[in-house]
Amino acid sequence: MQDYPTKITFDDMRETGATRIIVFCKDYRCSHNVTMDAARWPDEMRLSDIEPKFRCTVCGQRGSNIRSVDVPPRMGTG
């Protein structure tokens, strides 16, 4: 099993205003990705806890790299 770096919890992610994640295939040559709603995972779970559980629907590779979909900054408001 491959080691995954420990990442933030879903609660930490939600505190930034992000509600979605983007899941990238672990195989850099494939790089298939999908955006998902993060509401299905509990606050205390870490993004790195679910990375090894995904399987790419394009190449079949197990494992992923997950990042939050950042909320765009509110430029020019205030």
PDB file of N, CA and C in Angstrom:
ATOM      1  N   MET A   1       0.842  -1.185   0.000  1.00  0.00           N
ATOM      2  CA  MET A   1       0.000   0.000   0.000  1.00  0.00           C
ATOM      3  C   MET A   1       0.885   1.246   0.000  1.00  0.00           C
ATOM      4  N   GLN A   2       0.499   2.209  -0.776  1.00  0.00           N
ATOM      5  CA  GLN A   2       1.244   3.443  -0.903  1.00  0.00           C
ATOM      6  C   GLN A   2       0.921   4.375   0.262  1.00  0.00           C
ATOM      7  N   ASP A   3       1.928   5.109   0.734  1.00  0.00           N
ATOM      8  CA  ASP A   3       1.690   6.079   1.796  1.00  0.00           C
ATOM      9  C   ASP A   3       1.100   7.356   1.209  1.00  0.00           C
ATOM     10  N   TYR A   4       0.161   7.914   1.930  1.00  0.00           N
ATOM     11  CA  TYR A   4      -0.459   9.171   1.535  1.00  0.00           C
ATOM     12  C   TYR A   4      -0.146  10.203   2.610  1.00  0.00           C
ATOM     13  N   PRO A   5       0.254  11.422   2.227  1.00  0.00           N
ATOM     14  CA  PRO A   5       0.497  12.447   3.238  1.00  0.00           C
ATOM     15  C   PRO A   5      -0.813  12.786   3.954  1.00  0.00           C
ATOM     16  N   THR A   6      -0.714  13.075   5.234  1.00  0.00           N
ATOM     17  CA  THR A   6      -1.893  13.441   6.012  1.00  0.00           C
ATOM     18  C   THR A   6      -2.380  14.818   5.577  1.00  0.00           C
ATOM     19  N   LYS A   7      -3.660  14.894   5.272  1.00  0.00           N
ATOM     20  CA  LYS A   7      -4.255  16.151   4.819  1.00  0.00           C
ATOM     21  C   LYS A   7      -5.282  16.642   5.833  1.00  0.00           C
ATOM     22  N   ILE A   8      -5.837  17.795   5.579  1.00  0.00           N
ATOM     23  CA  ILE A   8      -6.796  18.423   6.493  1.00  0.00           C
ATOM     24  C   ILE A   8      -8.083  17.610   6.591  1.00  0.00           C
ATOM     25  N   THR A   9      -8.860  17.900   7.628  1.00  0.00           N
ATOM     26  CA  THR A   9     -10.158  17.251   7.793  1.00  0.00           C
ATOM     27  C   THR A   9     -11.188  17.966   6.913  1.00  0.00           C
ATOM     28  N   PHE A  10     -12.308  17.301   6.710  1.00  0.00           N
ATOM     29  CA  PHE A  10     -13.386  17.942   5.952  1.00  0.00           C
ATOM     30  C   PHE A  10     -13.901  19.170   6.697  1.00  0.00           C
ATOM     31  N   ASP A  11     -13.872  19.132   8.035  1.00  0.00           N
ATOM     32  CA  ASP A  11     -14.283  20.298   8.816  1.00  0.00           C
ATOM     33  C   ASP A  11     -13.361  21.482   8.541  1.00  0.00           C
ATOM     34  N   ASP A  12     -12.045  21.236   8.539  1.00  0.00           N
ATOM     35  CA  ASP A  12     -11.084  22.303   8.222  1.00  0.00           C
ATOM     36  C   ASP A  12     -11.352  22.868   6.836  1.00  0.00           C
ATOM     37  N   MET A  13     -11.645  21.991   5.900  1.00  0.00           N
ATOM     38  CA  MET A  13     -11.913  22.411   4.532  1.00  0.00           C
ATOM     39  C   MET A  13     -13.180  23.270   4.477  1.00  0.00           C
ATOM     40  N   ARG A  14     -14.224  22.817   5.161  1.00  0.00           N
ATOM     41  CA  ARG A  14     -15.503  23.549   5.143  1.00  0.00           C
ATOM     42  C   ARG A  14     -15.387  24.918   5.800  1.00  0.00           C
ATOM     43  N   GLU A  15     -14.482  25.042   6.774  1.00  0.00           N
ATOM     44  CA  GLU A  15     -14.283  26.342   7.425  1.00  0.00           C
ATOM     45  C   GLU A  15     -13.775  27.399   6.443  1.00  0.00           C
ATOM     46  N   THR A  16     -13.138  26.973   5.361  1.00  0.00           N
ATOM     47  CA  THR A  16     -12.665  27.920   4.344  1.00  0.00           C
ATOM     48  C   THR A  16     -13.782  28.333   3.396  1.00  0.00           C
ATOM     49  N   GLY A  17     -14.939  27.654   3.516  1.00  0.00           N
ATOM     50  CA  GLY A  17     -16.064  27.935   2.635  1.00  0.00           C
ATOM     51  C   GLY A  17     -16.208  26.935   1.502  1.00  0.00           C
ATOM     52  N   ALA A  18     -15.242  26.037   1.359  1.00  0.00           N
ATOM     53  CA  ALA A  18     -15.290  25.029   0.284  1.00  0.00           C
ATOM     54  C   ALA A  18     -16.308  23.942   0.641  1.00  0.00           C
ATOM     55  N   THR A  19     -17.079  23.519  -0.340  1.00  0.00           N
ATOM     56  CA  THR A  19     -18.072  22.463  -0.135  1.00  0.00           C
ATOM     57  C   THR A  19     -17.888  21.315  -1.127  1.00  0.00           C
ATOM     58  N   ARG A  20     -16.918  21.447  -2.021  1.00  0.00           N
ATOM     59  CA  ARG A  20     -16.704  20.428  -3.041  1.00  0.00           C
ATOM     60  C   ARG A  20     -15.234  20.010  -3.050  1.00  0.00           C
ATOM     61  N   ILE A  21     -14.983  18.803  -3.542  1.00  0.00           N
ATOM     62  CA  ILE A  21     -13.622  18.309  -3.703  1.00  0.00           C
ATOM     63  C   ILE A  21     -13.414  17.923  -5.161  1.00  0.00           C
ATOM     64  N   ILE A  22     -12.161  17.918  -5.561  1.00  0.00           N
ATOM     65  CA  ILE A  22     -11.801  17.400  -6.883  1.00  0.00           C
ATOM     66  C   ILE A  22     -10.884  16.201  -6.642  1.00  0.00           C
ATOM     67  N   VAL A  23     -11.238  15.078  -7.265  1.00  0.00           N
ATOM     68  CA  VAL A  23     -10.520  13.816  -7.091  1.00  0.00           C
ATOM     69  C   VAL A  23      -9.755  13.542  -8.381  1.00  0.00           C
ATOM     70  N   PHE A  24      -8.414  13.493  -8.290  1.00  0.00           N
ATOM     71  CA  PHE A  24      -7.556  13.221  -9.428  1.00  0.00           C
ATOM     72  C   PHE A  24      -7.085  11.778  -9.393  1.00  0.00           C
ATOM     73  N   CYS A  25      -6.999  11.134 -10.555  1.00  0.00           N
ATOM     74  CA  CYS A  25      -6.415   9.799 -10.658  1.00  0.00           C
ATOM     75  C   CYS A  25      -4.980   9.865 -10.157  1.00  0.00           C
ATOM     76  N   LYS A  26      -4.562   8.835  -9.420  1.00  0.00           N
ATOM     77  CA  LYS A  26      -3.203   8.781  -8.872  1.00  0.00           C
ATOM     78  C   LYS A  26      -2.147   8.643  -9.974  1.00  0.00           C
ATOM     79  N   ASP A  27      -2.533   8.096 -11.122  1.00  0.00           N
ATOM     80  CA  ASP A  27      -1.609   7.917 -12.246  1.00  0.00           C
ATOM     81  C   ASP A  27      -1.487   9.244 -13.005  1.00  0.00           C
ATOM     82  N   TYR A  28      -0.335   9.880 -12.905  1.00  0.00           N
ATOM     83  CA  TYR A  28      -0.148  11.194 -13.525  1.00  0.00           C
ATOM     84  C   TYR A  28      -0.328  11.159 -15.040  1.00  0.00           C
ATOM     85  N   ARG A  29      -0.129   9.986 -15.679  1.00  0.00           N
ATOM     86  CA  ARG A  29      -0.302   9.897 -17.136  1.00  0.00           C
ATOM     87  C   ARG A  29      -1.776   9.952 -17.512  1.00  0.00           C
ATOM     88  N   CYS A  30      -2.648   9.487 -16.629  1.00  0.00           N
ATOM     89  CA  CYS A  30      -4.087   9.505 -16.885  1.00  0.00           C
ATOM     90  C   CYS A  30      -4.671  10.873 -16.507  1.00  0.00           C
ATOM     91  N   SER A  31      -4.476  11.259 -15.268  1.00  0.00           N
ATOM     92  CA  SER A  31      -4.937  12.551 -14.732  1.00  0.00           C
ATOM     93  C   SER A  31      -6.431  12.793 -14.874  1.00  0.00           C
ATOM     94  N   HIS A  32      -7.216  11.731 -15.019  1.00  0.00           N
ATOM     95  CA  HIS A  32      -8.672  11.885 -15.022  1.00  0.00           C
ATOM     96  C   HIS A  32      -9.079  12.500 -13.682  1.00  0.00           C
ATOM     97  N   ASN A  33     -10.094  13.338 -13.694  1.00  0.00           N
ATOM     98  CA  ASN A  33     -10.549  13.934 -12.440  1.00  0.00           C
ATOM     99  C   ASN A  33     -12.053  14.134 -12.466  1.00  0.00           C
ATOM    100  N   VAL A  34     -12.597  14.227 -11.284  1.00  0.00           N
ATOM    101  CA  VAL A  34     -14.028  14.449 -11.117  1.00  0.00           C
ATOM    102  C   VAL A  34     -14.236  15.339  -9.896  1.00  0.00           C
ATOM    103  N   THR A  35     -15.230  16.213  -9.980  1.00  0.00           N
ATOM    104  CA  THR A  35     -15.575  17.085  -8.863  1.00  0.00           C
ATOM    105  C   THR A  35     -16.789  16.493  -8.154  1.00  0.00           C
ATOM    106  N   MET A  36     -16.742  16.491  -6.823  1.00  0.00           N
ATOM    107  CA  MET A  36     -17.810  15.875  -6.031  1.00  0.00           C
ATOM    108  C   MET A  36     -18.216  16.787  -4.877  1.00  0.00           C
ATOM    109  N   ASP A  37     -19.471  16.637  -4.454  1.00  0.00           N
ATOM    110  CA  ASP A  37     -19.959  17.306  -3.256  1.00  0.00           C
ATOM    111  C   ASP A  37     -19.328  16.635  -2.042  1.00  0.00           C
ATOM    112  N   ALA A  38     -18.817  17.400  -1.113  1.00  0.00           N
ATOM    113  CA  ALA A  38     -18.128  16.849   0.057  1.00  0.00           C
ATOM    114  C   ALA A  38     -19.062  16.585   1.237  1.00  0.00           C
ATOM    115  N   ALA A  39     -20.347  16.824   1.075  1.00  0.00           N
ATOM    116  CA  ALA A  39     -21.294  16.677   2.185  1.00  0.00           C
ATOM    117  C   ALA A  39     -21.420  15.237   2.680  1.00  0.00           C
ATOM    118  N   ARG A  40     -21.073  14.251   1.867  1.00  0.00           N
ATOM    119  CA  ARG A  40     -21.244  12.847   2.260  1.00  0.00           C
ATOM    120  C   ARG A  40     -20.240  12.380   3.310  1.00  0.00           C
ATOM    121  N   TRP A  41     -19.157  13.129   3.523  1.00  0.00           N
ATOM    122  CA  TRP A  41     -18.124  12.719   4.473  1.00  0.00           C
ATOM    123  C   TRP A  41     -18.229  13.525   5.762  1.00  0.00           C
ATOM    124  N   PRO A  42     -17.997  12.871   6.911  1.00  0.00           N
ATOM    125  CA  PRO A  42     -18.116  13.559   8.202  1.00  0.00           C
ATOM    126  C   PRO A  42     -16.978  14.552   8.442  1.00  0.00           C
ATOM    127  N   ASP A  43     -17.232  15.503   9.317  1.00  0.00           N
ATOM    128  CA  ASP A  43     -16.263  16.560   9.618  1.00  0.00           C
ATOM    129  C   ASP A  43     -14.910  16.038  10.063  1.00  0.00           C
ATOM    130  N   GLU A  44     -14.884  14.978  10.874  1.00  0.00           N
ATOM    131  CA  GLU A  44     -13.627  14.512  11.457  1.00  0.00           C
ATOM    132  C   GLU A  44     -12.766  13.689  10.494  1.00  0.00           C
ATOM    133  N   MET A  45     -13.308  13.303   9.345  1.00  0.00           N
ATOM    134  CA  MET A  45     -12.549  12.515   8.375  1.00  0.00           C
ATOM    135  C   MET A  45     -11.572  13.413   7.622  1.00  0.00           C
ATOM    136  N   ARG A  46     -10.397  12.875   7.355  1.00  0.00           N
ATOM    137  CA  ARG A  46      -9.384  13.612   6.595  1.00  0.00           C
ATOM    138  C   ARG A  46      -9.498  13.284   5.109  1.00  0.00           C
ATOM    139  N   LEU A  47      -9.162  14.245   4.265  1.00  0.00           N
ATOM    140  CA  LEU A  47      -9.169  14.000   2.830  1.00  0.00           C
ATOM    141  C   LEU A  47      -8.248  12.829   2.499  1.00  0.00           C
ATOM    142  N   SER A  48      -7.125  12.735   3.197  1.00  0.00           N
ATOM    143  CA  SER A  48      -6.170  11.647   2.951  1.00  0.00           C
ATOM    144  C   SER A  48      -6.724  10.277   3.364  1.00  0.00           C
ATOM    145  N   ASP A  49      -7.745  10.232   4.229  1.00  0.00           N
ATOM    146  CA  ASP A  49      -8.346   8.958   4.636  1.00  0.00           C
ATOM    147  C   ASP A  49      -9.071   8.274   3.477  1.00  0.00           C
ATOM    148  N   ILE A  50      -9.593   9.052   2.545  1.00  0.00           N
ATOM    149  CA  ILE A  50     -10.377   8.458   1.451  1.00  0.00           C
ATOM    150  C   ILE A  50      -9.592   8.332   0.144  1.00  0.00           C
ATOM    151  N   GLU A  51      -8.417   8.944   0.055  1.00  0.00           N
ATOM    152  CA  GLU A  51      -7.634   8.908  -1.187  1.00  0.00           C
ATOM    153  C   GLU A  51      -7.353   7.492  -1.697  1.00  0.00           C
ATOM    154  N   PRO A  52      -6.963   6.544  -0.846  1.00  0.00           N
ATOM    155  CA  PRO A  52      -6.661   5.198  -1.368  1.00  0.00           C
ATOM    156  C   PRO A  52      -7.897   4.407  -1.784  1.00  0.00           C
ATOM    157  N   LYS A  53      -9.083   4.881  -1.447  1.00  0.00           N
ATOM    158  CA  LYS A  53     -10.314   4.120  -1.695  1.00  0.00           C
ATOM    159  C   LYS A  53     -10.895   4.322  -3.089  1.00  0.00           C
ATOM    160  N   PHE A  54     -10.472   5.345  -3.788  1.00  0.00           N
ATOM    161  CA  PHE A  54     -11.025   5.617  -5.121  1.00  0.00           C
ATOM    162  C   PHE A  54     -10.339   4.770  -6.189  1.00  0.00           C
ATOM    163  N   ARG A  55     -11.096   4.415  -7.215  1.00  0.00           N
ATOM    164  CA  ARG A  55     -10.562   3.735  -8.394  1.00  0.00           C
ATOM    165  C   ARG A  55     -10.977   4.549  -9.615  1.00  0.00           C
ATOM    166  N   CYS A  56     -10.013   4.844 -10.477  1.00  0.00           N
ATOM    167  CA  CYS A  56     -10.272   5.650 -11.671  1.00  0.00           C
ATOM    168  C   CYS A  56     -11.201   4.898 -12.619  1.00  0.00           C
ATOM    169  N   THR A  57     -12.218   5.581 -13.107  1.00  0.00           N
ATOM    170  CA  THR A  57     -13.163   4.966 -14.040  1.00  0.00           C
ATOM    171  C   THR A  57     -12.631   4.950 -15.470  1.00  0.00           C
ATOM    172  N   VAL A  58     -11.493   5.616 -15.715  1.00  0.00           N
ATOM    173  CA  VAL A  58     -10.905   5.628 -17.057  1.00  0.00           C
ATOM    174  C   VAL A  58      -9.824   4.557 -17.187  1.00  0.00           C
ATOM    175  N   CYS A  59      -8.828   4.573 -16.284  1.00  0.00           N
ATOM    176  CA  CYS A  59      -7.683   3.652 -16.424  1.00  0.00           C
ATOM    177  C   CYS A  59      -7.712   2.492 -15.423  1.00  0.00           C
ATOM    178  N   GLY A  60      -8.560   2.568 -14.406  1.00  0.00           N
ATOM    179  CA  GLY A  60      -8.664   1.494 -13.430  1.00  0.00           C
ATOM    180  C   GLY A  60      -7.680   1.576 -12.279  1.00  0.00           C
ATOM    181  N   GLN A  61      -6.802   2.563 -12.275  1.00  0.00           N
ATOM    182  CA  GLN A  61      -5.803   2.728 -11.208  1.00  0.00           C
ATOM    183  C   GLN A  61      -6.499   2.983  -9.876  1.00  0.00           C
ATOM    184  N   ARG A  62      -6.042   2.299  -8.822  1.00  0.00           N
ATOM    185  CA  ARG A  62      -6.561   2.561  -7.474  1.00  0.00           C
ATOM    186  C   ARG A  62      -5.713   3.646  -6.833  1.00  0.00           C
ATOM    187  N   GLY A  63      -6.386   4.540  -6.122  1.00  0.00           N
ATOM    188  CA  GLY A  63      -5.719   5.638  -5.438  1.00  0.00           C
ATOM    189  C   GLY A  63      -6.007   6.961  -6.119  1.00  0.00           C
ATOM    190  N   SER A  64      -5.946   8.018  -5.350  1.00  0.00           N
ATOM    191  CA  SER A  64      -6.268   9.337  -5.893  1.00  0.00           C
ATOM    192  C   SER A  64      -5.508  10.419  -5.142  1.00  0.00           C
ATOM    193  N   ASN A  65      -5.614  11.602  -5.661  1.00  0.00           N
ATOM    194  CA  ASN A  65      -5.104  12.794  -5.012  1.00  0.00           C
ATOM    195  C   ASN A  65      -6.294  13.736  -4.906  1.00  0.00           C
ATOM    196  N   ILE A  66      -6.645  14.131  -3.690  1.00  0.00           N
ATOM    197  CA  ILE A  66      -7.855  14.921  -3.475  1.00  0.00           C
ATOM    198  C   ILE A  66      -7.499  16.309  -2.973  1.00  0.00           C
ATOM    199  N   ARG A  67      -8.190  17.286  -3.524  1.00  0.00           N
ATOM    200  CA  ARG A  67      -8.024  18.679  -3.106  1.00  0.00           C
ATOM    201  C   ARG A  67      -9.411  19.305  -2.975  1.00  0.00           C
ATOM    202  N   SER A  68      -9.480  20.337  -2.168  1.00  0.00           N
ATOM    203  CA  SER A  68     -10.743  21.068  -2.068  1.00  0.00           C
ATOM    204  C   SER A  68     -10.891  21.975  -3.275  1.00  0.00           C
ATOM    205  N   VAL A  69     -12.118  22.226  -3.636  1.00  0.00           N
ATOM    206  CA  VAL A  69     -12.398  23.212  -4.694  1.00  0.00           C
ATOM    207  C   VAL A  69     -12.563  24.540  -3.973  1.00  0.00           C
ATOM    208  N   ASP A  70     -11.575  25.389  -4.113  1.00  0.00           N
ATOM    209  CA  ASP A  70     -11.553  26.639  -3.351  1.00  0.00           C
ATOM    210  C   ASP A  70     -12.650  27.586  -3.797  1.00  0.00           C
ATOM    211  N   VAL A  71     -13.139  28.318  -2.819  1.00  0.00           N
ATOM    212  CA  VAL A  71     -14.144  29.335  -3.067  1.00  0.00           C
ATOM    213  C   VAL A  71     -13.446  30.541  -3.680  1.00  0.00           C
ATOM    214  N   PRO A  72     -13.966  31.078  -4.794  1.00  0.00           N
ATOM    215  CA  PRO A  72     -13.302  32.237  -5.417  1.00  0.00           C
ATOM    216  C   PRO A  72     -13.283  33.437  -4.454  1.00  0.00           C
ATOM    217  N   PRO A  73     -12.190  34.193  -4.451  1.00  0.00           N
ATOM    218  CA  PRO A  73     -12.120  35.362  -3.585  1.00  0.00           C
ATOM    219  C   PRO A  73     -13.126  36.433  -4.010  1.00  0.00           C
ATOM    220  N   ARG A  74     -13.579  37.196  -3.054  1.00  0.00           N
ATOM    221  CA  ARG A  74     -14.541  38.266  -3.339  1.00  0.00           C
ATOM    222  C   ARG A  74     -13.762  39.557  -3.568  1.00  0.00           C
ATOM    223  N   MET A  75     -13.206  39.670  -4.740  1.00  0.00           N
ATOM    224  CA  MET A  75     -12.367  40.821  -5.076  1.00  0.00           C
ATOM    225  C   MET A  75     -13.226  42.064  -5.311  1.00  0.00           C
ATOM    226  N   GLY A  76     -12.744  43.178  -4.821  1.00  0.00           N
ATOM    227  CA  GLY A  76     -13.403  44.447  -5.097  1.00  0.00           C
ATOM    228  C   GLY A  76     -14.681  44.673  -4.323  1.00  0.00           C
ATOM    229  N   THR A  77     -14.925  43.878  -3.296  1.00  0.00           N
ATOM    230  CA  THR A  77     -16.129  44.112  -2.485  1.00  0.00           C
ATOM    231  C   THR A  77     -15.716  44.619  -1.126  1.00  0.00           C
ATOM    232  N   GLY A  78     -16.579  45.306  -0.506  1.00  0.00           N
ATOM    233  CA  GLY A  78     -16.225  45.726   0.847  1.00  0.00           C
ATOM    234  C   GLY A  78     -16.702  47.068   1.239  1.00  0.00           C
TER     235      GLY A  78
END
